[in-house]
Amino acid sequence: MYGAKIRMIREMRGLSQENVADSLNISQSTYSLYESNKVAVTTDMLDKIAKVLDVNPADLVNQQPVVFHIPNNRGTKVGYINEYNSDSQDASQKVKELYEALLTAKDETIASKNIEIERMQKIIEKLLGDK
């Protein structure tokens, strides 16, 4: 019932089924049954999965799209996926594209912060040198 959405969020986080299963102390094959909706996810297990995926349990069960906030040096880019069909290759590709954009934005943000730190260090050095 919630398997495809759980899979989308797991993939967006860059985690494998094995990673999540290990964190849950269950086998990968058992975890796979949850994602494929072959076994119903209990409320307790849903809470545990949400914790591992760093989302609110309600995010896993509601029908709202998965929303990604991707910060960059010009503000925040927002993307979303509202296709949870486990057979959808397009949705899986969209997750990968958004995750790659997130990594790129993170690198750009770090680079711009480093430039700002260097600029501030030069100002401080100049001010200290003037005394």
C-alpha atoms as a PDB file:
ATOM      1  CA  MET A   1       0.000   0.000   0.000  1.00  0.00           C
ATOM      2  CA  TYR A   2       2.833   2.412   0.865  1.00  0.00           C
ATOM      3  CA  GLY A   3       5.675   0.442  -0.686  1.00  0.00           C
ATOM      4  CA  ALA A   4       6.236   2.499  -3.823  1.00  0.00           C
ATOM      5  CA  LYS A   5       6.401   5.760  -1.879  1.00  0.00           C
ATOM      6  CA  ILE A   6       8.777   4.221   0.651  1.00  0.00           C
ATOM      7  CA  ARG A   7      10.961   3.047  -2.248  1.00  0.00           C
ATOM      8  CA  MET A   8      10.971   6.527  -3.828  1.00  0.00           C
ATOM      9  CA  ILE A   9      12.092   8.169  -0.601  1.00  0.00           C
ATOM     10  CA  ARG A  10      14.708   5.467   0.008  1.00  0.00           C
ATOM     11  CA  GLU A  11      16.129   5.973  -3.499  1.00  0.00           C
ATOM     12  CA  MET A  12      16.073   9.744  -3.075  1.00  0.00           C
ATOM     13  CA  ARG A  13      18.137   9.297   0.086  1.00  0.00           C
ATOM     14  CA  GLY A  14      20.607   7.179  -1.870  1.00  0.00           C
ATOM     15  CA  LEU A  15      20.038   4.128   0.308  1.00  0.00           C
ATOM     16  CA  SER A  16      19.882   0.519  -0.788  1.00  0.00           C
ATOM     17  CA  GLN A  17      17.331  -1.963   0.479  1.00  0.00           C
ATOM     18  CA  GLU A  18      20.190  -3.606   2.363  1.00  0.00           C
ATOM     19  CA  ASN A  19      21.069  -0.314   4.113  1.00  0.00           C
ATOM     20  CA  VAL A  20      17.519   0.189   5.329  1.00  0.00           C
ATOM     21  CA  ALA A  21      17.006  -3.463   6.253  1.00  0.00           C
ATOM     22  CA  ASP A  22      20.220  -3.464   8.311  1.00  0.00           C
ATOM     23  CA  SER A  23      19.077  -0.328  10.155  1.00  0.00           C
ATOM     24  CA  LEU A  24      15.750  -2.035  10.873  1.00  0.00           C
ATOM     25  CA  ASN A  25      17.435  -5.277  11.957  1.00  0.00           C
ATOM     26  CA  ILE A  26      15.501  -7.279   9.377  1.00  0.00           C
ATOM     27  CA  SER A  27      16.558  -9.143   6.264  1.00  0.00           C
ATOM     28  CA  GLN A  28      16.698  -7.434   2.883  1.00  0.00           C
ATOM     29  CA  SER A  29      14.160  -9.952   1.568  1.00  0.00           C
ATOM     30  CA  THR A  30      11.684  -9.006   4.304  1.00  0.00           C
ATOM     31  CA  TYR A  31      12.197  -5.322   3.605  1.00  0.00           C
ATOM     32  CA  SER A  32      11.683  -5.985  -0.102  1.00  0.00           C
ATOM     33  CA  LEU A  33       8.275  -7.462   0.694  1.00  0.00           C
ATOM     34  CA  TYR A  34       7.257  -4.126   2.269  1.00  0.00           C
ATOM     35  CA  GLU A  35       8.337  -2.115  -0.763  1.00  0.00           C
ATOM     36  CA  SER A  36       6.558  -4.479  -3.146  1.00  0.00           C
ATOM     37  CA  ASN A  37       3.384  -4.372  -1.007  1.00  0.00           C
ATOM     38  CA  LYS A  38       3.435  -8.153  -0.622  1.00  0.00           C
ATOM     39  CA  VAL A  39       3.369  -7.770   3.173  1.00  0.00           C
ATOM     40  CA  ALA A  40       1.431  -5.053   4.990  1.00  0.00           C
ATOM     41  CA  VAL A  41       3.564  -2.610   6.949  1.00  0.00           C
ATOM     42  CA  THR A  42       2.570  -2.447  10.610  1.00  0.00           C
ATOM     43  CA  THR A  43       2.299   0.911  12.334  1.00  0.00           C
ATOM     44  CA  ASP A  44       5.350   0.082  14.419  1.00  0.00           C
ATOM     45  CA  MET A  45       7.407  -0.864  11.349  1.00  0.00           C
ATOM     46  CA  LEU A  46       6.158   2.234   9.498  1.00  0.00           C
ATOM     47  CA  ASP A  47       7.468   4.388  12.356  1.00  0.00           C
ATOM     48  CA  LYS A  48      10.833   2.611  12.215  1.00  0.00           C
ATOM     49  CA  ILE A  49      11.106   2.982   8.420  1.00  0.00           C
ATOM     50  CA  ALA A  50      10.205   6.671   8.676  1.00  0.00           C
ATOM     51  CA  LYS A  51      12.941   7.175  11.266  1.00  0.00           C
ATOM     52  CA  VAL A  52      15.546   5.453   9.065  1.00  0.00           C
ATOM     53  CA  LEU A  53      14.461   7.515   6.034  1.00  0.00           C
ATOM     54  CA  ASP A  54      14.403  10.696   8.155  1.00  0.00           C
ATOM     55  CA  VAL A  55      10.790  11.567   7.345  1.00  0.00           C
ATOM     56  CA  ASN A  56       7.574  11.861   9.282  1.00  0.00           C
ATOM     57  CA  PRO A  57       5.510   8.637   9.206  1.00  0.00           C
ATOM     58  CA  ALA A  58       2.621  10.674   7.766  1.00  0.00           C
ATOM     59  CA  ASP A  59       4.827  11.455   4.752  1.00  0.00           C
ATOM     60  CA  LEU A  60       4.905   7.748   3.944  1.00  0.00           C
ATOM     61  CA  VAL A  61       1.154   7.191   4.078  1.00  0.00           C
ATOM     62  CA  ASN A  62      -0.368  10.364   2.670  1.00  0.00           C
ATOM     63  CA  GLN A  63      -1.161  10.829  -0.992  1.00  0.00           C
ATOM     64  CA  GLN A  64       0.810  14.062  -1.281  1.00  0.00           C
ATOM     65  CA  PRO A  65       3.780  14.137  -3.659  1.00  0.00           C
ATOM     66  CA  VAL A  66       7.293  13.689  -2.381  1.00  0.00           C
ATOM     67  CA  VAL A  67       8.750  17.204  -2.221  1.00  0.00           C
ATOM     68  CA  PHE A  68      12.462  17.927  -2.452  1.00  0.00           C
ATOM     69  CA  HIS A  69      13.945  21.273  -1.482  1.00  0.00           C
ATOM     70  CA  ILE A  70      17.244  21.711  -3.256  1.00  0.00           C
ATOM     71  CA  PRO A  71      19.169  24.736  -1.946  1.00  0.00           C
ATOM     72  CA  ASN A  72      21.456  26.617  -4.266  1.00  0.00           C
ATOM     73  CA  ASN A  73      23.222  29.973  -4.223  1.00  0.00           C
ATOM     74  CA  ARG A  74      20.234  31.661  -5.873  1.00  0.00           C
ATOM     75  CA  GLY A  75      17.604  30.458  -3.393  1.00  0.00           C
ATOM     76  CA  THR A  76      15.865  27.121  -3.246  1.00  0.00           C
ATOM     77  CA  LYS A  77      14.807  24.945  -6.134  1.00  0.00           C
ATOM     78  CA  VAL A  78      11.817  22.753  -5.409  1.00  0.00           C
ATOM     79  CA  GLY A  79      11.096  19.491  -7.156  1.00  0.00           C
ATOM     80  CA  TYR A  80       8.490  16.876  -6.550  1.00  0.00           C
ATOM     81  CA  ILE A  81       7.490  13.409  -7.552  1.00  0.00           C
ATOM     82  CA  ASN A  82       3.837  12.494  -7.547  1.00  0.00           C
ATOM     83  CA  GLU A  83       4.217   9.170  -9.361  1.00  0.00           C
ATOM     84  CA  TYR A  84       4.560   6.305  -6.914  1.00  0.00           C
ATOM     85  CA  ASN A  85       3.854   3.463  -9.304  1.00  0.00           C
ATOM     86  CA  SER A  86       6.477   0.867  -8.480  1.00  0.00           C
ATOM     87  CA  ASP A  87       6.666  -0.060 -12.169  1.00  0.00           C
ATOM     88  CA  SER A  88       7.347   3.499 -13.250  1.00  0.00           C
ATOM     89  CA  GLN A  89      10.864   3.843 -14.646  1.00  0.00           C
ATOM     90  CA  ASP A  90      10.169   7.551 -15.261  1.00  0.00           C
ATOM     91  CA  ALA A  91       9.551   8.157 -11.565  1.00  0.00           C
ATOM     92  CA  SER A  92      12.697   6.261 -10.636  1.00  0.00           C
ATOM     93  CA  GLN A  93      14.695   8.321 -13.136  1.00  0.00           C
ATOM     94  CA  LYS A  94      13.172  11.516 -11.712  1.00  0.00           C
ATOM     95  CA  VAL A  95      14.341  10.513  -8.228  1.00  0.00           C
ATOM     96  CA  LYS A  96      17.866   9.970  -9.521  1.00  0.00           C
ATOM     97  CA  GLU A  97      17.870  13.319 -11.342  1.00  0.00           C
ATOM     98  CA  LEU A  98      16.637  15.183  -8.266  1.00  0.00           C
ATOM     99  CA  TYR A  99      19.187  13.461  -6.044  1.00  0.00           C
ATOM    100  CA  GLU A 100      22.006  14.368  -8.457  1.00  0.00           C
ATOM    101  CA  ALA A 101      20.727  17.964  -8.517  1.00  0.00           C
ATOM    102  CA  LEU A 102      20.756  17.967  -4.722  1.00  0.00           C
ATOM    103  CA  LEU A 103      24.378  16.804  -4.644  1.00  0.00           C
ATOM    104  CA  THR A 104      25.365  19.430  -7.232  1.00  0.00           C
ATOM    105  CA  ALA A 105      23.547  22.168  -5.305  1.00  0.00           C
ATOM    106  CA  LYS A 106      25.279  21.073  -2.098  1.00  0.00           C
ATOM    107  CA  ASP A 107      28.686  21.310  -3.808  1.00  0.00           C
ATOM    108  CA  GLU A 108      27.825  24.759  -5.205  1.00  0.00           C
ATOM    109  CA  THR A 109      26.672  25.970  -1.786  1.00  0.00           C
ATOM    110  CA  ILE A 110      29.868  24.763  -0.123  1.00  0.00           C
ATOM    111  CA  ALA A 111      31.991  26.384  -2.836  1.00  0.00           C
ATOM    112  CA  SER A 112      30.187  29.739  -2.490  1.00  0.00           C
ATOM    113  CA  LYS A 113      30.560  29.621   1.299  1.00  0.00           C
ATOM    114  CA  ASN A 114      34.280  28.914   0.955  1.00  0.00           C
ATOM    115  CA  ILE A 115      34.640  31.926  -1.356  1.00  0.00           C
ATOM    116  CA  GLU A 116      32.809  34.094   1.192  1.00  0.00           C
ATOM    117  CA  ILE A 117      35.047  32.813   4.015  1.00  0.00           C
ATOM    118  CA  GLU A 118      38.167  33.669   2.008  1.00  0.00           C
ATOM    119  CA  ARG A 119      36.799  37.150   1.273  1.00  0.00           C
ATOM    120  CA  MET A 120      36.076  37.752   4.958  1.00  0.00           C
ATOM    121  CA  GLN A 121      39.544  36.492   5.958  1.00  0.00           C
ATOM    122  CA  LYS A 122      41.132  39.011   3.591  1.00  0.00           C
ATOM    123  CA  ILE A 123      39.059  41.827   5.085  1.00  0.00           C
ATOM    124  CA  ILE A 124      40.032  40.786   8.609  1.00  0.00           C
ATOM    125  CA  GLU A 125      43.707  40.548   7.646  1.00  0.00           C
ATOM    126  CA  LYS A 126      43.530  44.004   6.072  1.00  0.00           C
ATOM    127  CA  LEU A 127      41.864  45.473   9.167  1.00  0.00           C
ATOM    128  CA  LEU A 128      44.429  43.864  11.470  1.00  0.00           C
ATOM    129  CA  GLY A 129      47.271  45.047   9.225  1.00  0.00           C
ATOM    130  CA  ASP A 130      46.008  48.664   9.373  1.00  0.00           C
ATOM    131  CA  LYS A 131      46.399  48.809  13.166  1.00  0.00           C
END
